[in-house]
């Protein structure tokens, strides 16, 4: 059986060392256009949250690709332990990380003929990317071949949907990670935009005035994509505000599921937001990610 390492990036809501055989490549946070910090290593969620809170009208902060040197360092440290290296980066619709890894994997393959390198386009991010990593890890541990792993990635992409409800579009506009902003003008401060993340890209889905309206809209997106009789396998909940608000919204989600008799039998999973992600969402935002059971 091939000894396999999985390499994902720091947007996947996985902490270094959390999953055996899974390695985290940090993206970068750029402050004031010049100071670069590696996500989860030199800067964290709390630091970025503080900066954003101190600058409510917008902050000169952005994100950037991982450093090539960080990937090469990871590879040098683990190359003698593994025969196969599987890369599961965030969606190429959000970042150039995938393209960078494709090129680096090609170079590494030419230099290491006895190793195998596979880079997959996940169309994913955050907690649902973590789910994919966990599923691929389970297949790897069973000794599954490349075709089985590829099929799982493709199946996962077809059965996920995420939506982010924002306080405003200040940071999202700065990041340029969304289409359709020209059609959206927030004339009322209480309007909360919902960003739909589907098929690897962000689009402006709707605008609402309350958390309960946001939850209703998000499950409406799910119904539109998957039909009336969908069954939810996993629900992930991420947030960038205080715990009291988080508990309030989580209860709204749970009550909505129960009231509408939605087919979901498990617990809603919480996940931390990395500094790279909060740079774009800003504070007082939350996301709901869903994995549909297609069996």
Protein backbone atom coordinates (compact mmCIF):
# COMPACT_ATOMS: atom_id res chain seq x y z
CA UNK A 1 0.00 0.00 0.00
CA UNK A 2 1.28 3.46 -0.93
CA UNK A 3 2.29 5.71 1.91
CA UNK A 4 0.41 8.92 1.18
CA UNK A 5 0.66 12.48 2.48
CA UNK A 6 -2.22 14.92 2.05
CA UNK A 7 -1.37 18.60 1.75
CA UNK A 8 -4.11 21.19 2.05
CA UNK A 9 -3.95 24.89 2.85
CA UNK A 10 -4.75 27.02 5.86
CA UNK A 11 -8.29 27.87 4.75
CA UNK A 12 -9.42 24.29 5.49
CA UNK A 13 -10.20 24.79 9.19
CA UNK A 14 -7.59 22.17 10.11
CA UNK A 15 -4.90 22.91 12.65
CA UNK A 16 -1.34 21.65 12.06
CA UNK A 17 -1.00 18.17 13.53
CA UNK A 18 -4.76 17.73 13.95
CA UNK A 19 -4.99 14.89 11.41
CA UNK A 20 -2.13 12.43 11.10
CA UNK A 21 -0.59 12.50 7.63
CA UNK A 22 -2.23 15.83 6.71
CA UNK A 23 0.00 18.88 6.29
CA UNK A 24 -1.07 22.53 6.18
CA UNK A 25 0.33 25.04 3.70
CA UNK A 26 -0.26 28.58 5.03
CA UNK A 27 -1.61 31.32 2.81
CA UNK A 28 -0.46 34.86 3.55
CA UNK A 29 -2.13 37.91 5.05
CA UNK A 30 -0.77 41.25 3.80
CA UNK A 31 -1.20 44.25 6.11
CA UNK A 32 -0.76 47.83 4.82
CA UNK A 33 0.32 46.46 1.46
CA UNK A 34 3.76 45.42 2.66
CA UNK A 35 3.82 43.35 5.87
CA UNK A 36 3.36 39.66 5.11
CA UNK A 37 2.23 37.12 7.72
CA UNK A 38 1.67 33.38 7.29
CA UNK A 39 -1.85 32.34 8.22
CA UNK A 40 -1.99 30.35 11.44
CA UNK A 41 1.74 30.74 12.08
CA UNK A 42 2.59 34.45 12.25
CA UNK A 43 -0.96 35.80 12.43
CA UNK A 44 -4.25 34.38 13.66
CA UNK A 45 -7.98 35.05 13.70
CA UNK A 46 -7.90 37.09 16.92
CA UNK A 47 -5.24 39.44 15.56
CA UNK A 48 -7.11 40.10 12.30
CA UNK A 49 -10.45 40.43 14.10
CA UNK A 50 -8.94 43.13 16.35
CA UNK A 51 -7.55 45.02 13.34
CA UNK A 52 -10.90 44.90 11.54
CA UNK A 53 -12.81 46.01 14.63
CA UNK A 54 -10.48 48.98 15.02
CA UNK A 55 -11.07 49.95 11.36
CA UNK A 56 -14.85 49.61 10.74
CA UNK A 57 -14.76 51.55 7.48
CA UNK A 58 -12.21 49.27 5.89
CA UNK A 59 -8.66 48.16 6.41
CA UNK A 60 -5.75 47.94 4.01
CA UNK A 61 -5.45 44.19 4.41
CA UNK A 62 -5.41 41.48 1.77
CA UNK A 63 -4.39 37.88 1.19
CA UNK A 64 -1.84 36.21 -1.02
CA UNK A 65 -0.72 32.80 -2.23
CA UNK A 66 1.37 30.52 -0.04
CA UNK A 67 5.11 30.95 -0.30
CA UNK A 68 6.68 28.38 -2.57
CA UNK A 69 9.46 28.02 -0.03
CA UNK A 70 6.94 26.81 2.57
CA UNK A 71 5.74 24.01 0.30
CA UNK A 72 9.29 22.99 -0.55
CA UNK A 73 10.15 22.97 3.15
CA UNK A 74 7.20 20.69 3.93
CA UNK A 75 8.19 18.37 1.10
CA UNK A 76 11.83 18.17 2.19
CA UNK A 77 10.80 17.36 5.75
CA UNK A 78 8.44 14.51 4.82
CA UNK A 79 9.57 13.18 1.43
CA UNK A 80 11.32 10.09 2.81
CA UNK A 81 8.13 9.01 4.64
CA UNK A 82 5.76 8.96 1.66
CA UNK A 83 5.40 7.61 -1.88
CA UNK A 84 2.38 9.68 -2.94
CA UNK A 85 1.47 13.32 -2.30
CA UNK A 86 -2.13 14.47 -2.70
CA UNK A 87 -2.82 18.21 -2.79
CA UNK A 88 -6.28 19.51 -1.86
CA UNK A 89 -6.15 23.33 -2.02
CA UNK A 90 -9.02 25.79 -1.82
CA UNK A 91 -11.07 26.53 -4.93
CA UNK A 92 -9.20 27.99 -7.88
CA UNK A 93 -12.19 30.32 -8.27
CA UNK A 94 -11.02 32.07 -5.10
CA UNK A 95 -7.23 31.79 -5.28
CA UNK A 96 -4.31 31.03 -7.54
CA UNK A 97 -3.06 28.44 -5.04
CA UNK A 98 -4.26 25.53 -7.19
CA UNK A 99 -2.37 26.77 -10.27
CA UNK A 100 0.75 27.36 -8.19
CA UNK A 101 0.60 23.82 -6.80
CA UNK A 102 0.09 22.30 -10.25
CA UNK A 103 3.29 23.95 -11.44
CA UNK A 104 5.28 23.06 -8.32
CA UNK A 105 4.01 19.47 -8.37
CA UNK A 106 5.19 19.16 -11.97
CA UNK A 107 8.65 20.37 -11.01
CA UNK A 108 8.81 18.08 -7.98
CA UNK A 109 7.71 15.13 -10.09
CA UNK A 110 10.52 15.75 -12.57
CA UNK A 111 13.03 15.88 -9.72
CA UNK A 112 11.61 12.88 -7.82
CA UNK A 113 10.79 10.17 -10.35
CA UNK A 114 9.99 7.64 -7.63
CA UNK A 115 7.24 9.82 -6.13
CA UNK A 116 3.68 10.46 -7.25
CA UNK A 117 2.03 13.89 -7.12
CA UNK A 118 -1.71 14.54 -7.52
CA UNK A 119 -3.28 18.00 -7.40
CA UNK A 120 -7.09 18.22 -7.27
CA UNK A 121 -9.32 21.22 -7.90
CA UNK A 122 -11.69 21.02 -4.93
CA UNK A 123 -14.07 23.93 -5.63
CA UNK A 124 -14.17 24.23 -1.86
CA UNK A 125 -13.01 26.11 1.22
CA UNK A 126 -13.28 26.13 5.03
CA UNK A 127 -15.12 23.41 6.94
CA UNK A 128 -16.43 21.59 3.86
CA UNK A 129 -12.87 21.42 2.53
CA UNK A 130 -11.97 19.84 5.86
CA UNK A 131 -14.69 17.23 5.26
CA UNK A 132 -13.17 16.43 1.88
CA UNK A 133 -9.71 16.07 3.43
CA UNK A 134 -11.15 13.71 6.05
CA UNK A 135 -12.89 11.61 3.39
CA UNK A 136 -9.79 11.39 1.21
CA UNK A 137 -7.73 10.48 4.26
CA UNK A 138 -10.15 7.60 4.96
CA UNK A 139 -9.75 6.35 1.37
CA UNK A 140 -5.98 6.64 1.60
CA UNK A 141 -5.97 4.60 4.80
CA UNK A 142 -7.95 1.89 3.00
CA UNK A 143 -5.36 1.78 0.21
CA UNK A 144 -7.67 3.15 -2.49
CA UNK A 145 -6.26 3.93 -5.92
CA UNK A 146 -6.07 7.29 -7.68
CA UNK A 147 -9.28 6.80 -9.67
CA UNK A 148 -11.27 6.14 -6.50
CA UNK A 149 -9.82 9.25 -4.90
CA UNK A 150 -10.57 11.35 -7.98
CA UNK A 151 -14.15 10.06 -8.07
CA UNK A 152 -14.61 11.05 -4.43
CA UNK A 153 -13.35 14.57 -5.07
CA UNK A 154 -15.75 14.96 -8.01
CA UNK A 155 -18.68 13.57 -6.02
CA UNK A 156 -17.93 15.91 -3.13
CA UNK A 157 -17.91 18.92 -5.45
CA UNK A 158 -21.39 18.05 -6.70
CA UNK A 159 -22.85 17.72 -3.21
CA UNK A 160 -21.71 20.80 -1.31
CA UNK A 161 -23.10 24.28 -0.94
CA UNK A 162 -22.09 27.12 1.36
CA UNK A 163 -23.44 30.58 2.04
CA UNK A 164 -21.97 33.44 4.04
CA UNK A 165 -24.08 36.15 5.66
CA UNK A 166 -22.12 39.38 6.09
CA UNK A 167 -22.55 42.47 8.19
CA UNK A 168 -21.61 44.52 5.13
CA UNK A 169 -19.56 44.33 1.95
CA UNK A 170 -16.65 46.54 3.03
CA UNK A 171 -13.97 43.85 3.13
CA UNK A 172 -15.49 41.71 0.37
CA UNK A 173 -15.39 44.67 -2.03
CA UNK A 174 -11.74 45.27 -1.19
CA UNK A 175 -10.86 41.63 -1.79
CA UNK A 176 -12.59 41.37 -5.16
CA UNK A 177 -13.64 37.77 -4.44
CA UNK A 178 -17.24 38.13 -5.63
CA UNK A 179 -19.19 38.82 -8.81
CA UNK A 180 -22.36 40.88 -9.04
CA UNK A 181 -21.48 43.69 -6.64
CA UNK A 182 -22.38 46.39 -9.17
CA UNK A 183 -26.02 45.32 -8.87
CA UNK A 184 -26.03 45.63 -5.10
CA UNK A 185 -26.34 48.92 -3.24
CA UNK A 186 -26.81 48.80 0.52
CA UNK A 187 -28.91 51.89 1.20
CA UNK A 188 -29.89 50.62 4.64
CA UNK A 189 -27.26 49.85 7.22
CA UNK A 190 -29.26 46.89 8.53
CA UNK A 191 -29.23 45.05 5.20
CA UNK A 192 -27.19 41.85 5.42
CA UNK A 193 -25.83 40.52 2.10
CA UNK A 194 -25.70 36.75 1.57
CA UNK A 195 -22.80 35.43 -0.49
CA UNK A 196 -23.52 32.10 -2.13
CA UNK A 197 -20.48 29.85 -2.60
CA UNK A 198 -21.28 27.19 -5.18
CA UNK A 199 -19.23 25.46 -7.88
CA UNK A 200 -16.10 27.05 -6.51
CA UNK A 201 -17.04 30.72 -6.87
CA UNK A 202 -18.77 33.46 -4.88
CA UNK A 203 -21.89 35.20 -6.13
CA UNK A 204 -24.18 37.69 -4.46
CA UNK A 205 -27.20 35.60 -3.53
CA UNK A 206 -29.61 37.86 -1.66
CA UNK A 207 -30.01 40.60 0.92
CA UNK A 208 -31.93 40.21 4.16
CA UNK A 209 -32.69 42.14 7.33
CA UNK A 210 -32.39 39.42 9.98
CA UNK A 211 -30.54 36.22 10.84
CA UNK A 212 -33.76 34.20 10.56
CA UNK A 213 -34.36 35.53 7.05
CA UNK A 214 -30.77 34.62 6.18
CA UNK A 215 -31.23 31.02 7.34
CA UNK A 216 -34.48 30.73 5.38
CA UNK A 217 -32.82 32.08 2.23
CA UNK A 218 -29.84 29.75 2.57
CA UNK A 219 -32.01 26.66 2.83
CA UNK A 220 -33.96 28.00 -0.14
CA UNK A 221 -30.72 27.91 -2.14
CA UNK A 222 -30.25 24.28 -1.05
CA UNK A 223 -33.75 23.35 -2.21
CA UNK A 224 -33.22 25.07 -5.56
CA UNK A 225 -30.00 23.14 -6.18
CA UNK A 226 -30.88 19.71 -4.78
CA UNK A 227 -34.68 19.52 -5.06
CA UNK A 228 -37.39 18.86 -2.47
CA UNK A 229 -36.28 15.52 -1.06
CA UNK A 230 -32.64 16.16 -0.23
CA UNK A 231 -30.97 14.57 2.78
CA UNK A 232 -28.24 16.49 4.58
CA UNK A 233 -25.22 14.50 5.72
CA UNK A 234 -23.28 17.28 7.45
CA UNK A 235 -23.85 20.92 8.37
CA UNK A 236 -20.97 23.20 9.27
CA UNK A 237 -21.28 26.52 11.06
CA UNK A 238 -18.52 29.15 11.19
CA UNK A 239 -18.75 32.65 12.60
CA UNK A 240 -16.77 35.81 13.30
CA UNK A 241 -18.70 37.36 16.16
CA UNK A 242 -19.28 36.78 19.87
CA UNK A 243 -20.38 33.41 21.20
CA UNK A 244 -23.81 34.68 22.31
CA UNK A 245 -24.69 35.65 18.75
CA UNK A 246 -23.29 32.35 17.51
CA UNK A 247 -25.53 30.38 19.86
CA UNK A 248 -28.53 32.48 18.82
CA UNK A 249 -27.97 31.77 15.13
CA UNK A 250 -27.25 28.11 15.72
CA UNK A 251 -30.61 27.83 17.49
CA UNK A 252 -32.31 29.55 14.56
CA UNK A 253 -30.78 26.95 12.23
CA UNK A 254 -31.81 24.05 14.47
CA UNK A 255 -35.36 25.38 14.87
CA UNK A 256 -35.69 25.91 11.11
CA UNK A 257 -34.58 22.34 10.40
CA UNK A 258 -37.03 20.92 12.93
CA UNK A 259 -39.96 23.13 11.89
CA UNK A 260 -39.52 22.34 8.19
CA UNK A 261 -38.85 18.64 8.82
CA UNK A 262 -35.57 18.75 6.90
CA UNK A 263 -33.86 15.37 6.69
CA UNK A 264 -30.84 15.87 8.95
CA UNK A 265 -30.04 13.53 11.84
CA UNK A 266 -26.62 14.71 13.04
CA UNK A 267 -25.22 17.57 15.11
CA UNK A 268 -24.29 20.89 13.54
CA UNK A 269 -20.49 21.15 13.49
CA UNK A 270 -18.65 24.29 14.57
CA UNK A 271 -15.35 25.28 12.96
CA UNK A 272 -12.93 28.13 13.49
CA UNK A 273 -12.42 30.79 10.84
CA UNK A 274 -8.85 31.37 9.75
CA UNK A 275 -7.29 34.80 9.45
CA UNK A 276 -7.27 34.53 5.64
CA UNK A 277 -11.03 34.06 5.50
CA UNK A 278 -11.99 36.82 7.95
CA UNK A 279 -9.92 39.25 5.88
CA UNK A 280 -12.61 38.87 3.20
CA UNK A 281 -15.76 38.33 5.27
CA UNK A 282 -15.08 40.97 7.87
CA UNK A 283 -16.39 40.71 11.42
CA UNK A 284 -19.95 39.78 12.45
CA UNK A 285 -20.35 37.25 9.66
CA UNK A 286 -21.39 33.61 9.66
CA UNK A 287 -21.41 30.77 7.17
CA UNK A 288 -23.48 27.63 6.76
CA UNK A 289 -21.93 24.78 4.78
CA UNK A 290 -23.89 21.69 3.78
CA UNK A 291 -22.89 18.29 2.45
CA UNK A 292 -25.76 16.43 0.81
CA UNK A 293 -26.07 12.66 1.15
CA UNK A 294 -26.57 11.43 -2.42
CA UNK A 295 -26.95 7.75 -1.56
